[in-house]
Amino acid sequence: MEPSHLAENFVVENDGPITTITFNRPERRNCLDEAVILDFERRLHTVRDDRDCRVLIVTGKGSAFCAGADHAMFKAMFKAPAGAAIDPAERRRRMGEFGKRWPRLIGRAFDVLAHLDQITIGAINGYAVGGGWSFALAFDFVIAVEGAEFWVPEVDLDVPYRGAPASVLAARLGPWRAKEAILMCRHYKAEQLLTMGALNQVVKPDALMPSARELAKALSAKSHDALAASKRDINAVFFGPRRF
């Protein structure tokens, strides 16, 4: 299997009917900024329009699947002239603007991922934080390595966790667990989420990609039209009607 595209943010590999997208910022724990999210969304559109692709696997390189928002983005947001401090009111204003813009960015990519006709598999190789857990909630199947951690820190950062990811998290965990996860920013291990029915499998690290590819091959052998139609009916319960 040869890489069909190598760029700073992602590696995309095509293997017959199976496409794999790998977050490729291991030195940053595959964290997100606006450019990375938009890049991910563009690549999902490419997958959506690829008639040869039946199954999409998404994973991360290094110790994290996706560690959420890039702290460098916050530093830039609150950067002040040399020797000056940002006024608290200005800080709140900037964070308020971010709190409106960020959920929309995550939500758009989430929506595309959730509504792909292709069957999607999340191969969670480590931390899935904030937007990382949001994207994991959009997959049809989720396989995680032992000890992988999931949490959403948004509320602790004064940013609301909202939109479709929050609704799906509530559907997966139930309202009380979802409030623990969102309002208390609770950390969950993969093993805990498995017992709660929020993951499909937990495997050892060296079994992650073999397990994902085995599942992808089994799915790609089935009728694509039957899979896609069945998926749309199931997803309508969690995600609402398809928007494109």
C-alpha atoms as a PDB file:
ATOM      1  CA  MET A   1       0.000   0.000   0.000  1.00  0.00           C
ATOM      2  CA  GLU A   2       1.652   3.190  -1.207  1.00  0.00           C
ATOM      3  CA  PRO A   3       0.902   6.699   0.082  1.00  0.00           C
ATOM      4  CA  SER A   4      -1.109   8.551  -2.555  1.00  0.00           C
ATOM      5  CA  HIS A   5      -0.592  11.903  -0.876  1.00  0.00           C
ATOM      6  CA  LEU A   6       1.789  13.174   1.764  1.00  0.00           C
ATOM      7  CA  ALA A   7       1.348  16.619   3.263  1.00  0.00           C
ATOM      8  CA  GLU A   8       2.124  18.328   6.521  1.00  0.00           C
ATOM      9  CA  ASN A   9      -1.189  17.619   8.186  1.00  0.00           C
ATOM     10  CA  PHE A  10      -2.302  14.249   6.799  1.00  0.00           C
ATOM     11  CA  VAL A  11      -1.211  11.118   5.005  1.00  0.00           C
ATOM     12  CA  VAL A  12      -3.826   9.620   2.697  1.00  0.00           C
ATOM     13  CA  GLU A  13      -3.486   6.035   1.471  1.00  0.00           C
ATOM     14  CA  ASN A  14      -5.696   4.246  -1.042  1.00  0.00           C
ATOM     15  CA  ASP A  15      -5.866   0.459  -1.068  1.00  0.00           C
ATOM     16  CA  GLY A  16      -8.576  -0.600  -3.507  1.00  0.00           C
ATOM     17  CA  PRO A  17     -11.937   0.218  -1.898  1.00  0.00           C
ATOM     18  CA  ILE A  18     -10.334   1.257   1.418  1.00  0.00           C
ATOM     19  CA  THR A  19      -8.956   4.744   2.096  1.00  0.00           C
ATOM     20  CA  THR A  20      -6.948   5.583   5.202  1.00  0.00           C
ATOM     21  CA  ILE A  21      -6.461   9.155   6.435  1.00  0.00           C
ATOM     22  CA  THR A  22      -3.783   9.582   9.109  1.00  0.00           C
ATOM     23  CA  PHE A  23      -3.369  12.721  11.189  1.00  0.00           C
ATOM     24  CA  ASN A  24       0.290  13.523  10.605  1.00  0.00           C
ATOM     25  CA  ARG A  25       1.317  16.038  13.266  1.00  0.00           C
ATOM     26  CA  PRO A  26       2.806  13.692  15.864  1.00  0.00           C
ATOM     27  CA  GLU A  27       5.099  16.372  17.285  1.00  0.00           C
ATOM     28  CA  ARG A  28       1.931  18.358  18.129  1.00  0.00           C
ATOM     29  CA  ARG A  29      -0.062  15.269  19.172  1.00  0.00           C
ATOM     30  CA  ASN A  30      -2.132  15.783  16.023  1.00  0.00           C
ATOM     31  CA  CYS A  31      -3.771  18.868  17.514  1.00  0.00           C
ATOM     32  CA  LEU A  32      -6.170  21.082  15.612  1.00  0.00           C
ATOM     33  CA  ASP A  33      -6.158  24.637  14.420  1.00  0.00           C
ATOM     34  CA  GLU A  34      -8.481  26.218  11.886  1.00  0.00           C
ATOM     35  CA  ALA A  35      -6.285  25.324   8.921  1.00  0.00           C
ATOM     36  CA  VAL A  36      -6.048  21.661   9.973  1.00  0.00           C
ATOM     37  CA  ILE A  37      -9.818  21.362  10.426  1.00  0.00           C
ATOM     38  CA  LEU A  38     -10.473  22.912   7.018  1.00  0.00           C
ATOM     39  CA  ASP A  39      -7.872  20.598   5.478  1.00  0.00           C
ATOM     40  CA  PHE A  40      -9.550  17.589   7.094  1.00  0.00           C
ATOM     41  CA  GLU A  41     -12.943  18.715   5.809  1.00  0.00           C
ATOM     42  CA  ARG A  42     -11.582  19.069   2.265  1.00  0.00           C
ATOM     43  CA  ARG A  43     -10.166  15.561   2.390  1.00  0.00           C
ATOM     44  CA  LEU A  44     -13.486  14.197   3.609  1.00  0.00           C
ATOM     45  CA  HIS A  45     -15.179  15.850   0.630  1.00  0.00           C
ATOM     46  CA  THR A  46     -12.657  14.090  -1.636  1.00  0.00           C
ATOM     47  CA  VAL A  47     -13.532  10.755  -0.030  1.00  0.00           C
ATOM     48  CA  ARG A  48     -17.248  11.505  -0.344  1.00  0.00           C
ATOM     49  CA  ASP A  49     -16.872  12.028  -4.096  1.00  0.00           C
ATOM     50  CA  ASP A  50     -14.616   8.985  -4.668  1.00  0.00           C
ATOM     51  CA  ARG A  51     -16.827   6.293  -6.201  1.00  0.00           C
ATOM     52  CA  ASP A  52     -14.130   3.662  -5.719  1.00  0.00           C
ATOM     53  CA  CYS A  53     -13.923   4.171  -1.964  1.00  0.00           C
ATOM     54  CA  ARG A  54     -16.242   1.966   0.122  1.00  0.00           C
ATOM     55  CA  VAL A  55     -14.642   2.246   3.586  1.00  0.00           C
ATOM     56  CA  LEU A  56     -12.692   5.054   5.273  1.00  0.00           C
ATOM     57  CA  ILE A  57     -10.283   4.470   8.175  1.00  0.00           C
ATOM     58  CA  VAL A  58      -9.078   7.488  10.161  1.00  0.00           C
ATOM     59  CA  THR A  59      -6.201   7.210  12.626  1.00  0.00           C
ATOM     60  CA  GLY A  60      -3.332   9.256  14.028  1.00  0.00           C
ATOM     61  CA  LYS A  61       0.440   9.054  13.918  1.00  0.00           C
ATOM     62  CA  GLY A  62       2.341   8.930  17.185  1.00  0.00           C
ATOM     63  CA  SER A  63       0.945   8.846  20.720  1.00  0.00           C
ATOM     64  CA  ALA A  64      -2.338  10.638  20.048  1.00  0.00           C
ATOM     65  CA  PHE A  65      -5.271  10.279  17.715  1.00  0.00           C
ATOM     66  CA  CYS A  66      -6.055  13.994  18.011  1.00  0.00           C
ATOM     67  CA  ALA A  67      -5.311  16.075  21.097  1.00  0.00           C
ATOM     68  CA  GLY A  68      -7.832  18.814  20.395  1.00  0.00           C
ATOM     69  CA  ALA A  69      -7.157  22.518  19.967  1.00  0.00           C
ATOM     70  CA  ASP A  70      -3.563  23.629  19.438  1.00  0.00           C
ATOM     71  CA  HIS A  71      -2.338  25.652  22.430  1.00  0.00           C
ATOM     72  CA  ALA A  72      -0.257  27.773  20.056  1.00  0.00           C
ATOM     73  CA  MET A  73      -3.528  29.043  18.625  1.00  0.00           C
ATOM     74  CA  PHE A  74      -4.575  30.339  22.055  1.00  0.00           C
ATOM     75  CA  LYS A  75      -1.191  31.991  22.581  1.00  0.00           C
ATOM     76  CA  ALA A  76      -1.560  33.808  19.275  1.00  0.00           C
ATOM     77  CA  MET A  77      -5.124  34.774  20.120  1.00  0.00           C
ATOM     78  CA  PHE A  78      -4.096  36.447  23.369  1.00  0.00           C
ATOM     79  CA  LYS A  79      -0.824  37.918  22.145  1.00  0.00           C
ATOM     80  CA  ALA A  80      -0.376  41.503  23.250  1.00  0.00           C
ATOM     81  CA  PRO A  81       2.139  44.203  22.321  1.00  0.00           C
ATOM     82  CA  ALA A  82       5.483  43.845  24.095  1.00  0.00           C
ATOM     83  CA  GLY A  83       5.216  44.787  27.747  1.00  0.00           C
ATOM     84  CA  ALA A  84       1.428  45.047  27.693  1.00  0.00           C
ATOM     85  CA  ALA A  85      -1.220  42.786  29.175  1.00  0.00           C
ATOM     86  CA  ILE A  86      -4.523  42.029  27.511  1.00  0.00           C
ATOM     87  CA  ASP A  87      -7.388  43.653  29.320  1.00  0.00           C
ATOM     88  CA  PRO A  88      -9.675  41.023  30.948  1.00  0.00           C
ATOM     89  CA  ALA A  89     -12.677  42.369  29.050  1.00  0.00           C
ATOM     90  CA  GLU A  90     -10.781  42.063  25.762  1.00  0.00           C
ATOM     91  CA  ARG A  91      -9.739  38.530  26.680  1.00  0.00           C
ATOM     92  CA  ARG A  92     -13.367  37.601  27.343  1.00  0.00           C
ATOM     93  CA  ARG A  93     -14.413  39.188  24.060  1.00  0.00           C
ATOM     94  CA  ARG A  94     -11.830  37.258  22.078  1.00  0.00           C
ATOM     95  CA  MET A  95     -12.658  34.007  23.831  1.00  0.00           C
ATOM     96  CA  GLY A  96     -16.350  34.636  23.220  1.00  0.00           C
ATOM     97  CA  GLU A  97     -15.719  35.020  19.498  1.00  0.00           C
ATOM     98  CA  PHE A  98     -13.628  31.856  19.522  1.00  0.00           C
ATOM     99  CA  GLY A  99     -16.382  30.040  21.416  1.00  0.00           C
ATOM    100  CA  LYS A 100     -18.783  30.782  18.570  1.00  0.00           C
ATOM    101  CA  ARG A 101     -16.398  30.092  15.690  1.00  0.00           C
ATOM    102  CA  TRP A 102     -14.708  26.910  16.967  1.00  0.00           C
ATOM    103  CA  PRO A 103     -17.845  24.761  17.434  1.00  0.00           C
ATOM    104  CA  ARG A 104     -18.971  25.721  13.935  1.00  0.00           C
ATOM    105  CA  LEU A 105     -15.646  24.633  12.435  1.00  0.00           C
ATOM    106  CA  ILE A 106     -15.668  21.318  14.294  1.00  0.00           C
ATOM    107  CA  GLY A 107     -19.367  20.849  13.551  1.00  0.00           C
ATOM    108  CA  ARG A 108     -18.953  21.285   9.799  1.00  0.00           C
ATOM    109  CA  ALA A 109     -16.232  18.636   9.548  1.00  0.00           C
ATOM    110  CA  PHE A 110     -18.188  16.403  11.937  1.00  0.00           C
ATOM    111  CA  ASP A 111     -21.279  16.718   9.744  1.00  0.00           C
ATOM    112  CA  VAL A 112     -19.421  15.727   6.578  1.00  0.00           C
ATOM    113  CA  LEU A 113     -17.774  12.779   8.341  1.00  0.00           C
ATOM    114  CA  ALA A 114     -21.019  11.561   9.929  1.00  0.00           C
ATOM    115  CA  HIS A 115     -22.970  11.672   6.665  1.00  0.00           C
ATOM    116  CA  LEU A 116     -20.503   9.987   4.311  1.00  0.00           C
ATOM    117  CA  ASP A 117     -22.017   7.138   2.311  1.00  0.00           C
ATOM    118  CA  GLN A 118     -18.773   5.264   2.930  1.00  0.00           C
ATOM    119  CA  ILE A 119     -18.580   3.230   6.115  1.00  0.00           C
ATOM    120  CA  THR A 120     -16.127   4.899   8.512  1.00  0.00           C
ATOM    121  CA  ILE A 121     -13.821   3.342  11.089  1.00  0.00           C
ATOM    122  CA  GLY A 122     -12.008   5.327  13.740  1.00  0.00           C
ATOM    123  CA  ALA A 123      -8.732   3.660  14.753  1.00  0.00           C
ATOM    124  CA  ILE A 124      -8.006   5.558  17.959  1.00  0.00           C
ATOM    125  CA  ASN A 125      -4.295   5.160  18.689  1.00  0.00           C
ATOM    126  CA  GLY A 126      -4.083   7.375  21.792  1.00  0.00           C
ATOM    127  CA  TYR A 127      -5.510  10.590  23.202  1.00  0.00           C
ATOM    128  CA  ALA A 128      -8.831  11.734  21.689  1.00  0.00           C
ATOM    129  CA  VAL A 129      -9.402  15.163  23.210  1.00  0.00           C
ATOM    130  CA  GLY A 130     -11.960  17.867  22.430  1.00  0.00           C
ATOM    131  CA  GLY A 131     -12.365  17.899  18.661  1.00  0.00           C
ATOM    132  CA  GLY A 132     -10.571  14.545  18.557  1.00  0.00           C
ATOM    133  CA  TRP A 133     -13.332  12.908  20.600  1.00  0.00           C
ATOM    134  CA  SER A 134     -15.915  14.839  18.563  1.00  0.00           C
ATOM    135  CA  PHE A 135     -14.632  13.267  15.354  1.00  0.00           C
ATOM    136  CA  ALA A 136     -14.519   9.832  17.011  1.00  0.00           C
ATOM    137  CA  LEU A 137     -18.234  10.205  17.772  1.00  0.00           C
ATOM    138  CA  ALA A 138     -18.966  10.557  14.053  1.00  0.00           C
ATOM    139  CA  PHE A 139     -17.471   7.208  13.005  1.00  0.00           C
ATOM    140  CA  ASP A 140     -19.605   4.143  12.278  1.00  0.00           C
ATOM    141  CA  PHE A 141     -17.169   1.891  14.131  1.00  0.00           C
ATOM    142  CA  VAL A 142     -14.563   2.827  16.722  1.00  0.00           C
ATOM    143  CA  ILE A 143     -11.595   0.667  17.722  1.00  0.00           C
ATOM    144  CA  ALA A 144      -9.250   2.047  20.379  1.00  0.00           C
ATOM    145  CA  VAL A 145      -5.955   0.940  21.874  1.00  0.00           C
ATOM    146  CA  GLU A 146      -5.727  -0.083  25.499  1.00  0.00           C
ATOM    147  CA  GLY A 147      -5.352   2.939  27.760  1.00  0.00           C
ATOM    148  CA  ALA A 148      -6.462   5.512  25.170  1.00  0.00           C
ATOM    149  CA  GLU A 149      -7.995   8.525  26.914  1.00  0.00           C
ATOM    150  CA  PHE A 150     -11.035  10.535  25.869  1.00  0.00           C
ATOM    151  CA  TRP A 151     -12.219  13.867  27.241  1.00  0.00           C
ATOM    152  CA  VAL A 152     -13.628  17.245  26.231  1.00  0.00           C
ATOM    153  CA  PRO A 153     -11.905  20.184  28.001  1.00  0.00           C
ATOM    154  CA  GLU A 154     -13.960  22.926  26.373  1.00  0.00           C
ATOM    155  CA  VAL A 155     -15.887  24.056  29.461  1.00  0.00           C
ATOM    156  CA  ASP A 156     -12.655  24.356  31.447  1.00  0.00           C
ATOM    157  CA  LEU A 157     -11.386  26.603  28.630  1.00  0.00           C
ATOM    158  CA  ASP A 158     -14.524  28.783  28.841  1.00  0.00           C
ATOM    159  CA  VAL A 159     -15.752  27.423  25.504  1.00  0.00           C
ATOM    160  CA  PRO A 160     -19.148  25.711  25.231  1.00  0.00           C
ATOM    161  CA  TYR A 161     -19.201  22.135  23.940  1.00  0.00           C
ATOM    162  CA  ARG A 162     -22.225  22.216  21.724  1.00  0.00           C
ATOM    163  CA  GLY A 163     -23.879  21.195  18.477  1.00  0.00           C
ATOM    164  CA  ALA A 164     -24.111  17.744  16.957  1.00  0.00           C
ATOM    165  CA  PRO A 165     -21.065  16.288  18.796  1.00  0.00           C
ATOM    166  CA  ALA A 166     -22.617  17.181  22.177  1.00  0.00           C
ATOM    167  CA  SER A 167     -25.951  15.669  21.163  1.00  0.00           C
ATOM    168  CA  VAL A 168     -24.328  12.481  19.923  1.00  0.00           C
ATOM    169  CA  LEU A 169     -22.205  12.209  23.072  1.00  0.00           C
ATOM    170  CA  ALA A 170     -25.408  12.438  25.122  1.00  0.00           C
ATOM    171  CA  ALA A 171     -26.994   9.734  22.969  1.00  0.00           C
ATOM    172  CA  ARG A 172     -23.962   7.462  23.386  1.00  0.00           C
ATOM    173  CA  LEU A 173     -23.406   7.963  27.122  1.00  0.00           C
ATOM    174  CA  GLY A 174     -26.848   8.941  28.354  1.00  0.00           C
ATOM    175  CA  PRO A 175     -27.666  12.385  29.774  1.00  0.00           C
ATOM    176  CA  TRP A 176     -26.048  11.967  33.210  1.00  0.00           C
ATOM    177  CA  ARG A 177     -22.740  10.533  31.946  1.00  0.00           C
ATOM    178  CA  ALA A 178     -22.714  13.112  29.153  1.00  0.00           C
ATOM    179  CA  LYS A 179     -23.027  15.902  31.730  1.00  0.00           C
ATOM    180  CA  GLU A 180     -20.093  14.412  33.627  1.00  0.00           C
ATOM    181  CA  ALA A 181     -18.092  14.307  30.419  1.00  0.00           C
ATOM    182  CA  ILE A 182     -19.023  17.790  29.185  1.00  0.00           C
ATOM    183  CA  LEU A 183     -19.669  19.857  32.308  1.00  0.00           C
ATOM    184  CA  MET A 184     -17.074  18.214  34.555  1.00  0.00           C
ATOM    185  CA  CYS A 185     -14.572  17.542  31.716  1.00  0.00           C
ATOM    186  CA  ARG A 186     -14.144  14.004  33.024  1.00  0.00           C
ATOM    187  CA  HIS A 187     -11.464  11.760  31.522  1.00  0.00           C
ATOM    188  CA  TYR A 188     -12.434   8.291  30.324  1.00  0.00           C
ATOM    189  CA  LYS A 189     -10.196   5.359  29.474  1.00  0.00           C
ATOM    190  CA  ALA A 190     -11.035   3.259  26.434  1.00  0.00           C
ATOM    191  CA  GLU A 191     -11.826   0.311  28.682  1.00  0.00           C
ATOM    192  CA  GLN A 192     -14.467   2.364  30.539  1.00  0.00           C
ATOM    193  CA  LEU A 193     -16.118   3.491  27.313  1.00  0.00           C
ATOM    194  CA  LEU A 194     -16.180  -0.075  26.039  1.00  0.00           C
ATOM    195  CA  THR A 195     -18.165  -1.209  29.085  1.00  0.00           C
ATOM    196  CA  MET A 196     -20.530   1.741  28.516  1.00  0.00           C
ATOM    197  CA  GLY A 197     -21.150   0.671  24.921  1.00  0.00           C
ATOM    198  CA  ALA A 198     -19.415   3.732  23.465  1.00  0.00           C
ATOM    199  CA  LEU A 199     -16.679   1.801  21.601  1.00  0.00           C
ATOM    200  CA  ASN A 200     -16.713  -1.337  19.469  1.00  0.00           C
ATOM    201  CA  GLN A 201     -13.353  -2.824  20.451  1.00  0.00           C
ATOM    202  CA  VAL A 202     -10.309  -2.182  22.616  1.00  0.00           C
ATOM    203  CA  VAL A 203      -7.125  -3.824  21.372  1.00  0.00           C
ATOM    204  CA  LYS A 204      -3.396  -3.833  22.009  1.00  0.00           C
ATOM    205  CA  PRO A 205      -1.472  -1.155  20.083  1.00  0.00           C
ATOM    206  CA  ASP A 206       0.057  -3.551  17.574  1.00  0.00           C
ATOM    207  CA  ALA A 207      -3.399  -4.958  16.778  1.00  0.00           C
ATOM    208  CA  LEU A 208      -5.063  -1.605  16.061  1.00  0.00           C
ATOM    209  CA  MET A 209      -4.499  -1.200  12.333  1.00  0.00           C
ATOM    210  CA  PRO A 210      -4.744  -4.952  11.543  1.00  0.00           C
ATOM    211  CA  SER A 211      -8.114  -4.989  13.341  1.00  0.00           C
ATOM    212  CA  ALA A 212      -9.296  -1.871  11.512  1.00  0.00           C
ATOM    213  CA  ARG A 213      -8.223  -3.234   8.129  1.00  0.00           C
ATOM    214  CA  GLU A 214      -9.808  -6.632   8.799  1.00  0.00           C
ATOM    215  CA  LEU A 215     -13.102  -4.908   9.594  1.00  0.00           C
ATOM    216  CA  ALA A 216     -12.728  -2.644   6.552  1.00  0.00           C
ATOM    217  CA  LYS A 217     -12.176  -5.620   4.244  1.00  0.00           C
ATOM    218  CA  ALA A 218     -15.244  -7.398   5.618  1.00  0.00           C
ATOM    219  CA  LEU A 219     -17.367  -4.286   5.100  1.00  0.00           C
ATOM    220  CA  SER A 220     -16.004  -3.543   1.624  1.00  0.00           C
ATOM    221  CA  ALA A 221     -17.096  -7.018   0.501  1.00  0.00           C
ATOM    222  CA  LYS A 222     -20.742  -6.199   1.224  1.00  0.00           C
ATOM    223  CA  SER A 223     -23.176  -4.329  -1.018  1.00  0.00           C
ATOM    224  CA  HIS A 224     -22.240  -0.656  -0.901  1.00  0.00           C
ATOM    225  CA  ASP A 225     -25.792   0.481  -1.691  1.00  0.00           C
ATOM    226  CA  ALA A 226     -27.257  -1.691   1.077  1.00  0.00           C
ATOM    227  CA  LEU A 227     -24.670  -0.473   3.583  1.00  0.00           C
ATOM    228  CA  ALA A 228     -25.165   3.186   2.682  1.00  0.00           C
ATOM    229  CA  ALA A 229     -28.967   3.038   2.827  1.00  0.00           C
ATOM    230  CA  SER A 230     -28.937   1.183   6.147  1.00  0.00           C
ATOM    231  CA  LYS A 231     -26.414   3.627   7.572  1.00  0.00           C
ATOM    232  CA  ARG A 232     -28.549   6.632   6.570  1.00  0.00           C
ATOM    233  CA  ASP A 233     -31.591   5.259   8.399  1.00  0.00           C
ATOM    234  CA  ILE A 234     -29.595   4.550  11.564  1.00  0.00           C
ATOM    235  CA  ASN A 235     -27.841   7.916  11.451  1.00  0.00           C
ATOM    236  CA  ALA A 236     -31.133   9.791  11.122  1.00  0.00           C
ATOM    237  CA  VAL A 237     -31.816   8.880  14.761  1.00  0.00           C
ATOM    238  CA  PHE A 238     -28.551  10.397  16.021  1.00  0.00           C
ATOM    239  CA  PHE A 239     -27.481  13.008  13.487  1.00  0.00           C
ATOM    240  CA  GLY A 240     -30.718  14.118  11.878  1.00  0.00           C
ATOM    241  CA  PRO A 241     -31.400  13.940   8.125  1.00  0.00           C
ATOM    242  CA  ARG A 242     -28.563  14.065   5.662  1.00  0.00           C
ATOM    243  CA  ARG A 243     -27.831  17.617   4.502  1.00  0.00           C
ATOM    244  CA  PHE A 244     -26.259  16.922   1.097  1.00  0.00           C
END
